[in-house]
């Protein structure tokens, strides 16, 4: 199983890479999340050159089953996010 990078580790790495404080890196990360969330909520794609594209993905309502009881349940429509990595990211992962 792959290991996880925590938010704290990510903030420390951003601070080190940009020669800023952890507080400034936290502000940057929070702003990035807010802007990205707003754009996706508005139905827009978020394309980050050499990294990838985040797209809102609508899921229709559907019938499902409760695995514990076998009872049919209605699963509400929802919006998720799909990520398509850019070629540069794929290439970097497959050296």
PDB file of N, CA and C in Angstrom:
ATOM      1  N   UNK A   1       0.848  -1.182   0.000  1.00  0.00           N
ATOM      2  CA  UNK A   1       0.000   0.000   0.000  1.00  0.00           C
ATOM      3  C   UNK A   1       0.896   1.248   0.000  1.00  0.00           C
ATOM      4  N   UNK A   2       0.459   2.240  -0.734  1.00  0.00           N
ATOM      5  CA  UNK A   2       1.225   3.484  -0.821  1.00  0.00           C
ATOM      6  C   UNK A   2       1.157   4.249   0.491  1.00  0.00           C
ATOM      7  N   UNK A   3       2.237   4.924   0.805  1.00  0.00           N
ATOM      8  CA  UNK A   3       2.247   5.761   1.997  1.00  0.00           C
ATOM      9  C   UNK A   3       1.562   7.085   1.673  1.00  0.00           C
ATOM     10  N   UNK A   4       1.091   7.753   2.715  1.00  0.00           N
ATOM     11  CA  UNK A   4       0.400   9.031   2.550  1.00  0.00           C
ATOM     12  C   UNK A   4       1.316  10.183   2.935  1.00  0.00           C
ATOM     13  N   UNK A   5       1.109  11.308   2.275  1.00  0.00           N
ATOM     14  CA  UNK A   5       1.742  12.554   2.672  1.00  0.00           C
ATOM     15  C   UNK A   5       0.675  13.364   3.385  1.00  0.00           C
ATOM     16  N   UNK A   6       0.938  13.751   4.623  1.00  0.00           N
ATOM     17  CA  UNK A   6      -0.043  14.500   5.393  1.00  0.00           C
ATOM     18  C   UNK A   6      -0.032  15.973   4.980  1.00  0.00           C
ATOM     19  N   UNK A   7      -1.078  16.672   5.376  1.00  0.00           N
ATOM     20  CA  UNK A   7      -1.159  18.103   5.096  1.00  0.00           C
ATOM     21  C   UNK A   7       0.021  18.835   5.730  1.00  0.00           C
ATOM     22  N   UNK A   8       0.392  18.452   6.939  1.00  0.00           N
ATOM     23  CA  UNK A   8       1.523  19.084   7.623  1.00  0.00           C
ATOM     24  C   UNK A   8       2.811  18.876   6.833  1.00  0.00           C
ATOM     25  N   UNK A   9       3.025  17.672   6.324  1.00  0.00           N
ATOM     26  CA  UNK A   9       4.223  17.393   5.528  1.00  0.00           C
ATOM     27  C   UNK A   9       4.191  18.170   4.216  1.00  0.00           C
ATOM     28  N   UNK A  10       3.014  18.274   3.612  1.00  0.00           N
ATOM     29  CA  UNK A  10       2.871  19.017   2.369  1.00  0.00           C
ATOM     30  C   UNK A  10       3.176  20.498   2.581  1.00  0.00           C
ATOM     31  N   UNK A  11       2.666  21.057   3.659  1.00  0.00           N
ATOM     32  CA  UNK A  11       2.922  22.465   3.971  1.00  0.00           C
ATOM     33  C   UNK A  11       4.409  22.692   4.210  1.00  0.00           C
ATOM     34  N   UNK A  12       5.053  21.803   4.941  1.00  0.00           N
ATOM     35  CA  UNK A  12       6.499  21.927   5.196  1.00  0.00           C
ATOM     36  C   UNK A  12       7.286  21.852   3.888  1.00  0.00           C
ATOM     37  N   UNK A  13       6.883  20.965   2.985  1.00  0.00           N
ATOM     38  CA  UNK A  13       7.570  20.828   1.700  1.00  0.00           C
ATOM     39  C   UNK A  13       7.382  22.068   0.833  1.00  0.00           C
ATOM     40  N   UNK A  14       6.165  22.621   0.812  1.00  0.00           N
ATOM     41  CA  UNK A  14       5.905  23.848   0.047  1.00  0.00           C
ATOM     42  C   UNK A  14       6.730  24.997   0.613  1.00  0.00           C
ATOM     43  N   UNK A  15       6.779  25.115   1.931  1.00  0.00           N
ATOM     44  CA  UNK A  15       7.555  26.180   2.570  1.00  0.00           C
ATOM     45  C   UNK A  15       9.033  26.062   2.214  1.00  0.00           C
ATOM     46  N   UNK A  16       9.555  24.842   2.246  1.00  0.00           N
ATOM     47  CA  UNK A  16      10.974  24.631   1.924  1.00  0.00           C
ATOM     48  C   UNK A  16      11.252  24.914   0.446  1.00  0.00           C
ATOM     49  N   UNK A  17      10.360  24.487  -0.437  1.00  0.00           N
ATOM     50  CA  UNK A  17      10.573  24.668  -1.872  1.00  0.00           C
ATOM     51  C   UNK A  17      10.452  26.122  -2.303  1.00  0.00           C
ATOM     52  N   UNK A  18       9.652  26.906  -1.588  1.00  0.00           N
ATOM     53  CA  UNK A  18       9.437  28.299  -1.978  1.00  0.00           C
ATOM     54  C   UNK A  18      10.168  29.289  -1.074  1.00  0.00           C
ATOM     55  N   UNK A  19      10.920  28.757  -0.133  1.00  0.00           N
ATOM     56  CA  UNK A  19      11.679  29.583   0.809  1.00  0.00           C
ATOM     57  C   UNK A  19      10.759  30.590   1.521  1.00  0.00           C
ATOM     58  N   UNK A  20       9.637  30.070   2.029  1.00  0.00           N
ATOM     59  CA  UNK A  20       8.687  30.882   2.783  1.00  0.00           C
ATOM     60  C   UNK A  20       8.438  30.205   4.125  1.00  0.00           C
ATOM     61  N   UNK A  21       7.636  30.834   4.933  1.00  0.00           N
ATOM     62  CA  UNK A  21       7.302  30.240   6.228  1.00  0.00           C
ATOM     63  C   UNK A  21       6.185  29.217   6.052  1.00  0.00           C
ATOM     64  N   UNK A  22       6.019  28.385   7.065  1.00  0.00           N
ATOM     65  CA  UNK A  22       4.933  27.401   7.029  1.00  0.00           C
ATOM     66  C   UNK A  22       3.578  28.093   7.050  1.00  0.00           C
ATOM     67  N   UNK A  23       3.482  29.221   7.716  1.00  0.00           N
ATOM     68  CA  UNK A  23       2.232  29.985   7.757  1.00  0.00           C
ATOM     69  C   UNK A  23       1.866  30.482   6.364  1.00  0.00           C
ATOM     70  N   UNK A  24       2.854  30.991   5.631  1.00  0.00           N
ATOM     71  CA  UNK A  24       2.604  31.451   4.260  1.00  0.00           C
ATOM     72  C   UNK A  24       2.244  30.278   3.354  1.00  0.00           C
ATOM     73  N   UNK A  25       2.903  29.152   3.544  1.00  0.00           N
ATOM     74  CA  UNK A  25       2.594  27.963   2.748  1.00  0.00           C
ATOM     75  C   UNK A  25       1.182  27.475   3.049  1.00  0.00           C
ATOM     76  N   UNK A  26       0.785  27.533   4.322  1.00  0.00           N
ATOM     77  CA  UNK A  26      -0.579  27.147   4.718  1.00  0.00           C
ATOM     78  C   UNK A  26      -1.595  28.064   4.047  1.00  0.00           C
ATOM     79  N   UNK A  27      -1.308  29.368   4.009  1.00  0.00           N
ATOM     80  CA  UNK A  27      -2.190  30.340   3.365  1.00  0.00           C
ATOM     81  C   UNK A  27      -2.322  30.029   1.878  1.00  0.00           C
ATOM     82  N   UNK A  28      -1.199  29.722   1.241  1.00  0.00           N
ATOM     83  CA  UNK A  28      -1.215  29.361  -0.176  1.00  0.00           C
ATOM     84  C   UNK A  28      -2.066  28.115  -0.406  1.00  0.00           C
ATOM     85  N   UNK A  29      -1.858  27.082   0.388  1.00  0.00           N
ATOM     86  CA  UNK A  29      -2.597  25.834   0.220  1.00  0.00           C
ATOM     87  C   UNK A  29      -4.092  26.047   0.443  1.00  0.00           C
ATOM     88  N   UNK A  30      -4.443  26.805   1.468  1.00  0.00           N
ATOM     89  CA  UNK A  30      -5.852  27.102   1.741  1.00  0.00           C
ATOM     90  C   UNK A  30      -6.490  27.863   0.580  1.00  0.00           C
ATOM     91  N   UNK A  31      -5.759  28.831   0.024  1.00  0.00           N
ATOM     92  CA  UNK A  31      -6.272  29.614  -1.106  1.00  0.00           C
ATOM     93  C   UNK A  31      -6.435  28.725  -2.335  1.00  0.00           C
ATOM     94  N   UNK A  32      -5.476  27.844  -2.578  1.00  0.00           N
ATOM     95  CA  UNK A  32      -5.557  26.922  -3.708  1.00  0.00           C
ATOM     96  C   UNK A  32      -6.792  26.033  -3.586  1.00  0.00           C
ATOM     97  N   UNK A  33      -7.012  25.488  -2.395  1.00  0.00           N
ATOM     98  CA  UNK A  33      -8.179  24.622  -2.180  1.00  0.00           C
ATOM     99  C   UNK A  33      -9.476  25.399  -2.379  1.00  0.00           C
ATOM    100  N   UNK A  34      -9.538  26.626  -1.878  1.00  0.00           N
ATOM    101  CA  UNK A  34     -10.754  27.436  -1.992  1.00  0.00           C
ATOM    102  C   UNK A  34     -11.054  27.789  -3.448  1.00  0.00           C
ATOM    103  N   UNK A  35     -10.053  28.230  -4.181  1.00  0.00           N
ATOM    104  CA  UNK A  35     -10.237  28.621  -5.577  1.00  0.00           C
ATOM    105  C   UNK A  35     -10.622  27.402  -6.418  1.00  0.00           C
ATOM    106  N   UNK A  36      -9.965  26.278  -6.187  1.00  0.00           N
ATOM    107  CA  UNK A  36     -10.255  25.052  -6.928  1.00  0.00           C
ATOM    108  C   UNK A  36     -11.674  24.567  -6.628  1.00  0.00           C
ATOM    109  N   UNK A  37     -12.058  24.563  -5.359  1.00  0.00           N
ATOM    110  CA  UNK A  37     -13.393  24.125  -4.965  1.00  0.00           C
ATOM    111  C   UNK A  37     -14.461  25.009  -5.593  1.00  0.00           C
ATOM    112  N   UNK A  38     -14.254  26.308  -5.582  1.00  0.00           N
ATOM    113  CA  UNK A  38     -15.217  27.241  -6.174  1.00  0.00           C
ATOM    114  C   UNK A  38     -15.361  26.991  -7.668  1.00  0.00           C
ATOM    115  N   UNK A  39     -14.253  26.836  -8.367  1.00  0.00           N
ATOM    116  CA  UNK A  39     -14.301  26.603  -9.812  1.00  0.00           C
ATOM    117  C   UNK A  39     -15.032  25.294 -10.125  1.00  0.00           C
ATOM    118  N   UNK A  40     -14.734  24.237  -9.393  1.00  0.00           N
ATOM    119  CA  UNK A  40     -15.397  22.950  -9.624  1.00  0.00           C
ATOM    120  C   UNK A  40     -16.888  23.040  -9.301  1.00  0.00           C
ATOM    121  N   UNK A  41     -17.221  23.762  -8.243  1.00  0.00           N
ATOM    122  CA  UNK A  41     -18.627  23.950  -7.867  1.00  0.00           C
ATOM    123  C   UNK A  41     -19.402  24.681  -8.972  1.00  0.00           C
ATOM    124  N   UNK A  42     -18.717  25.569  -9.663  1.00  0.00           N
ATOM    125  CA  UNK A  42     -19.336  26.315 -10.764  1.00  0.00           C
ATOM    126  C   UNK A  42     -19.367  25.510 -12.059  1.00  0.00           C
ATOM    127  N   UNK A  43     -18.882  24.273 -12.030  1.00  0.00           N
ATOM    128  CA  UNK A  43     -18.893  23.418 -13.212  1.00  0.00           C
ATOM    129  C   UNK A  43     -17.708  23.606 -14.129  1.00  0.00           C
ATOM    130  N   UNK A  44     -16.690  24.325 -13.668  1.00  0.00           N
ATOM    131  CA  UNK A  44     -15.506  24.588 -14.489  1.00  0.00           C
ATOM    132  C   UNK A  44     -14.438  23.518 -14.245  1.00  0.00           C
ATOM    133  N   UNK A  45     -13.640  23.268 -15.282  1.00  0.00           N
ATOM    134  CA  UNK A  45     -12.471  22.408 -15.138  1.00  0.00           C
ATOM    135  C   UNK A  45     -11.330  23.238 -14.572  1.00  0.00           C
ATOM    136  N   UNK A  46     -10.445  22.588 -13.829  1.00  0.00           N
ATOM    137  CA  UNK A  46      -9.250  23.248 -13.321  1.00  0.00           C
ATOM    138  C   UNK A  46      -8.062  22.541 -13.957  1.00  0.00           C
ATOM    139  N   UNK A  47      -7.385  23.237 -14.857  1.00  0.00           N
ATOM    140  CA  UNK A  47      -6.268  22.654 -15.581  1.00  0.00           C
ATOM    141  C   UNK A  47      -4.974  23.266 -15.065  1.00  0.00           C
ATOM    142  N   UNK A  48      -4.074  22.403 -14.606  1.00  0.00           N
ATOM    143  CA  UNK A  48      -2.779  22.832 -14.096  1.00  0.00           C
ATOM    144  C   UNK A  48      -1.727  22.269 -15.039  1.00  0.00           C
ATOM    145  N   UNK A  49      -1.066  23.152 -15.787  1.00  0.00           N
ATOM    146  CA  UNK A  49      -0.105  22.730 -16.794  1.00  0.00           C
ATOM    147  C   UNK A  49       0.947  21.806 -16.194  1.00  0.00           C
ATOM    148  N   UNK A  50       1.283  20.767 -16.910  1.00  0.00           N
ATOM    149  CA  UNK A  50       2.285  19.764 -16.539  1.00  0.00           C
ATOM    150  C   UNK A  50       1.911  18.944 -15.312  1.00  0.00           C
ATOM    151  N   UNK A  51       0.684  19.109 -14.811  1.00  0.00           N
ATOM    152  CA  UNK A  51       0.240  18.338 -13.649  1.00  0.00           C
ATOM    153  C   UNK A  51      -1.012  17.533 -13.975  1.00  0.00           C
ATOM    154  N   UNK A  52      -2.077  18.219 -14.392  1.00  0.00           N
ATOM    155  CA  UNK A  52      -3.297  17.494 -14.736  1.00  0.00           C
ATOM    156  C   UNK A  52      -4.517  18.379 -14.720  1.00  0.00           C
ATOM    157  N   UNK A  53      -5.665  17.744 -14.915  1.00  0.00           N
ATOM    158  CA  UNK A  53      -6.937  18.456 -14.983  1.00  0.00           C
ATOM    159  C   UNK A  53      -7.931  17.843 -14.011  1.00  0.00           C
ATOM    160  N   UNK A  54      -8.560  18.697 -13.221  1.00  0.00           N
ATOM    161  CA  UNK A  54      -9.644  18.296 -12.325  1.00  0.00           C
ATOM    162  C   UNK A  54     -10.945  18.688 -13.005  1.00  0.00           C
ATOM    163  N   UNK A  55     -11.894  17.738 -13.074  1.00  0.00           N
ATOM    164  CA  UNK A  55     -13.175  18.013 -13.719  1.00  0.00           C
ATOM    165  C   UNK A  55     -14.306  17.604 -12.790  1.00  0.00           C
ATOM    166  N   UNK A  56     -15.352  18.445 -12.706  1.00  0.00           N
ATOM    167  CA  UNK A  56     -16.528  18.011 -11.938  1.00  0.00           C
ATOM    168  C   UNK A  56     -17.216  16.880 -12.697  1.00  0.00           C
ATOM    169  N   UNK A  57     -17.703  15.903 -11.958  1.00  0.00           N
ATOM    170  CA  UNK A  57     -18.338  14.748 -12.591  1.00  0.00           C
ATOM    171  C   UNK A  57     -19.679  14.503 -11.914  1.00  0.00           C
ATOM    172  N   UNK A  58     -20.758  14.622 -12.683  1.00  0.00           N
ATOM    173  CA  UNK A  58     -22.101  14.422 -12.144  1.00  0.00           C
ATOM    174  C   UNK A  58     -22.445  12.940 -12.138  1.00  0.00           C
ATOM    175  N   UNK A  59     -22.985  12.489 -11.013  1.00  0.00           N
ATOM    176  CA  UNK A  59     -23.457  11.112 -10.895  1.00  0.00           C
ATOM    177  C   UNK A  59     -24.974  11.152 -10.748  1.00  0.00           C
ATOM    178  N   UNK A  60     -25.645  10.387 -11.576  1.00  0.00           N
ATOM    179  CA  UNK A  60     -27.110  10.346 -11.544  1.00  0.00           C
ATOM    180  C   UNK A  60     -27.585   9.581 -10.307  1.00  0.00           C
ATOM    181  N   UNK A  61     -28.807   9.876  -9.897  1.00  0.00           N
ATOM    182  CA  UNK A  61     -29.434   9.114  -8.810  1.00  0.00           C
ATOM    183  C   UNK A  61     -29.600   7.675  -9.288  1.00  0.00           C
ATOM    184  N   UNK A  62     -29.532   6.741  -8.361  1.00  0.00           N
ATOM    185  CA  UNK A  62     -29.651   5.339  -8.735  1.00  0.00           C
ATOM    186  C   UNK A  62     -30.134   4.512  -7.551  1.00  0.00           C
ATOM    187  N   UNK A  63     -30.544   3.313  -7.848  1.00  0.00           N
ATOM    188  CA  UNK A  63     -30.944   2.383  -6.802  1.00  0.00           C
ATOM    189  C   UNK A  63     -29.722   1.585  -6.370  1.00  0.00           C
ATOM    190  N   UNK A  64     -29.633   1.329  -5.073  1.00  0.00           N
ATOM    191  CA  UNK A  64     -28.541   0.534  -4.531  1.00  0.00           C
ATOM    192  C   UNK A  64     -29.089  -0.436  -3.509  1.00  0.00           C
ATOM    193  N   UNK A  65     -28.206  -1.169  -2.880  1.00  0.00           N
ATOM    194  CA  UNK A  65     -28.618  -2.122  -1.859  1.00  0.00           C
ATOM    195  C   UNK A  65     -27.823  -1.889  -0.588  1.00  0.00           C
ATOM    196  N   UNK A  66     -28.517  -1.971   0.544  1.00  0.00           N
ATOM    197  CA  UNK A  66     -27.854  -1.953   1.840  1.00  0.00           C
ATOM    198  C   UNK A  66     -27.204  -3.329   1.996  1.00  0.00           C
ATOM    199  N   UNK A  67     -25.860  -3.398   2.085  1.00  0.00           N
ATOM    200  CA  UNK A  67     -25.209  -4.705   2.142  1.00  0.00           C
ATOM    201  C   UNK A  67     -25.539  -5.491   3.414  1.00  0.00           C
ATOM    202  N   UNK A  68     -25.907  -4.808   4.468  1.00  0.00           N
ATOM    203  CA  UNK A  68     -26.215  -5.497   5.723  1.00  0.00           C
ATOM    204  C   UNK A  68     -27.592  -6.158   5.687  1.00  0.00           C
ATOM    205  N   UNK A  69     -28.558  -5.486   5.049  1.00  0.00           N
ATOM    206  CA  UNK A  69     -29.937  -5.998   5.076  1.00  0.00           C
ATOM    207  C   UNK A  69     -30.444  -6.481   3.716  1.00  0.00           C
ATOM    208  N   UNK A  70     -29.757  -6.073   2.644  1.00  0.00           N
ATOM    209  CA  UNK A  70     -30.218  -6.420   1.311  1.00  0.00           C
ATOM    210  C   UNK A  70     -31.356  -5.537   0.829  1.00  0.00           C
ATOM    211  N   UNK A  71     -31.766  -4.574   1.656  1.00  0.00           N
ATOM    212  CA  UNK A  71     -32.869  -3.679   1.323  1.00  0.00           C
ATOM    213  C   UNK A  71     -32.458  -2.718   0.206  1.00  0.00           C
ATOM    214  N   UNK A  72     -33.365  -2.464  -0.742  1.00  0.00           N
ATOM    215  CA  UNK A  72     -33.117  -1.496  -1.808  1.00  0.00           C
ATOM    216  C   UNK A  72     -33.187  -0.094  -1.225  1.00  0.00           C
ATOM    217  N   UNK A  73     -32.263   0.750  -1.645  1.00  0.00           N
ATOM    218  CA  UNK A  73     -32.240   2.139  -1.193  1.00  0.00           C
ATOM    219  C   UNK A  73     -32.015   3.047  -2.396  1.00  0.00           C
ATOM    220  N   UNK A  74     -32.485   4.260  -2.280  1.00  0.00           N
ATOM    221  CA  UNK A  74     -32.280   5.259  -3.318  1.00  0.00           C
ATOM    222  C   UNK A  74     -31.004   6.025  -2.986  1.00  0.00           C
ATOM    223  N   UNK A  75     -30.058   6.049  -3.916  1.00  0.00           N
ATOM    224  CA  UNK A  75     -28.821   6.807  -3.745  1.00  0.00           C
ATOM    225  C   UNK A  75     -29.010   8.115  -4.501  1.00  0.00           C
ATOM    226  N   UNK A  76     -28.866   9.226  -3.809  1.00  0.00           N
ATOM    227  CA  UNK A  76     -29.110  10.548  -4.396  1.00  0.00           C
ATOM    228  C   UNK A  76     -28.054  10.899  -5.444  1.00  0.00           C
ATOM    229  N   UNK A  77     -28.437  11.768  -6.370  1.00  0.00           N
ATOM    230  CA  UNK A  77     -27.492  12.300  -7.345  1.00  0.00           C
ATOM    231  C   UNK A  77     -26.437  13.114  -6.603  1.00  0.00           C
ATOM    232  N   UNK A  78     -25.219  13.122  -7.131  1.00  0.00           N
ATOM    233  CA  UNK A  78     -24.143  13.872  -6.483  1.00  0.00           C
ATOM    234  C   UNK A  78     -23.127  14.316  -7.521  1.00  0.00           C
ATOM    235  N   UNK A  79     -22.254  15.194  -7.109  1.00  0.00           N
ATOM    236  CA  UNK A  79     -21.168  15.655  -7.965  1.00  0.00           C
ATOM    237  C   UNK A  79     -19.857  15.251  -7.322  1.00  0.00           C
ATOM    238  N   UNK A  80     -19.014  14.605  -8.108  1.00  0.00           N
ATOM    239  CA  UNK A  80     -17.685  14.215  -7.649  1.00  0.00           C
ATOM    240  C   UNK A  80     -16.635  14.923  -8.490  1.00  0.00           C
ATOM    241  N   UNK A  81     -15.404  14.464  -8.386  1.00  0.00           N
ATOM    242  CA  UNK A  81     -14.307  15.064  -9.126  1.00  0.00           C
ATOM    243  C   UNK A  81     -13.501  13.956  -9.778  1.00  0.00           C
ATOM    244  N   UNK A  82     -13.138  14.164 -11.039  1.00  0.00           N
ATOM    245  CA  UNK A  82     -12.226  13.233 -11.689  1.00  0.00           C
ATOM    246  C   UNK A  82     -10.918  13.973 -11.963  1.00  0.00           C
ATOM    247  N   UNK A  83      -9.830  13.224 -11.931  1.00  0.00           N
ATOM    248  CA  UNK A  83      -8.506  13.803 -12.179  1.00  0.00           C
ATOM    249  C   UNK A  83      -7.868  13.065 -13.336  1.00  0.00           C
ATOM    250  N   UNK A  84      -7.412  13.824 -14.328  1.00  0.00           N
ATOM    251  CA  UNK A  84      -6.684  13.255 -15.449  1.00  0.00           C
ATOM    252  C   UNK A  84      -5.262  13.801 -15.398  1.00  0.00           C
ATOM    253  N   UNK A  85      -4.272  12.947 -15.151  1.00  0.00           N
ATOM    254  CA  UNK A  85      -2.900  13.437 -15.063  1.00  0.00           C
ATOM    255  C   UNK A  85      -2.378  13.887 -16.425  1.00  0.00           C
ATOM    256  N   UNK A  86      -1.533  14.898 -16.416  1.00  0.00           N
ATOM    257  CA  UNK A  86      -0.892  15.385 -17.632  1.00  0.00           C
ATOM    258  C   UNK A  86       0.233  14.425 -18.021  1.00  0.00           C
ATOM    259  N   UNK A  87       0.632  14.480 -19.269  1.00  0.00           N
ATOM    260  CA  UNK A  87       1.702  13.613 -19.760  1.00  0.00           C
ATOM    261  C   UNK A  87       2.983  13.806 -18.948  1.00  0.00           C
ATOM    262  N   UNK A  88       3.289  15.038 -18.596  1.00  0.00           N
ATOM    263  CA  UNK A  88       4.513  15.314 -17.837  1.00  0.00           C
ATOM    264  C   UNK A  88       4.486  14.613 -16.483  1.00  0.00           C
ATOM    265  N   UNK A  89       3.331  14.586 -15.822  1.00  0.00           N
ATOM    266  CA  UNK A  89       3.209  13.900 -14.529  1.00  0.00           C
ATOM    267  C   UNK A  89       3.342  12.404 -14.720  1.00  0.00           C
ATOM    268  N   UNK A  90       2.683  11.854 -15.732  1.00  0.00           N
ATOM    269  CA  UNK A  90       2.804  10.414 -16.008  1.00  0.00           C
ATOM    270  C   UNK A  90       4.260  10.033 -16.265  1.00  0.00           C
ATOM    271  N   UNK A  91       4.923  10.844 -17.090  1.00  0.00           N
ATOM    272  CA  UNK A  91       6.327  10.566 -17.410  1.00  0.00           C
ATOM    273  C   UNK A  91       7.206  10.623 -16.169  1.00  0.00           C
ATOM    274  N   UNK A  92       6.952  11.598 -15.286  1.00  0.00           N
ATOM    275  CA  UNK A  92       7.745  11.729 -14.055  1.00  0.00           C
ATOM    276  C   UNK A  92       7.551  10.535 -13.137  1.00  0.00           C
ATOM    277  N   UNK A  93       6.361   9.950 -13.145  1.00  0.00           N
ATOM    278  CA  UNK A  93       6.084   8.794 -12.286  1.00  0.00           C
ATOM    279  C   UNK A  93       6.622   7.497 -12.860  1.00  0.00           C
ATOM    280  N   UNK A  94       6.889   7.480 -14.145  1.00  0.00           N
ATOM    281  CA  UNK A  94       7.317   6.254 -14.813  1.00  0.00           C
ATOM    282  C   UNK A  94       8.718   6.345 -15.392  1.00  0.00           C
ATOM    283  N   UNK A  95       9.633   6.868 -14.609  1.00  0.00           N
ATOM    284  CA  UNK A  95      11.033   6.993 -15.057  1.00  0.00           C
ATOM    285  C   UNK A  95      11.692   5.651 -15.133  1.00  0.00           C
TER     286      UNK A  95
END
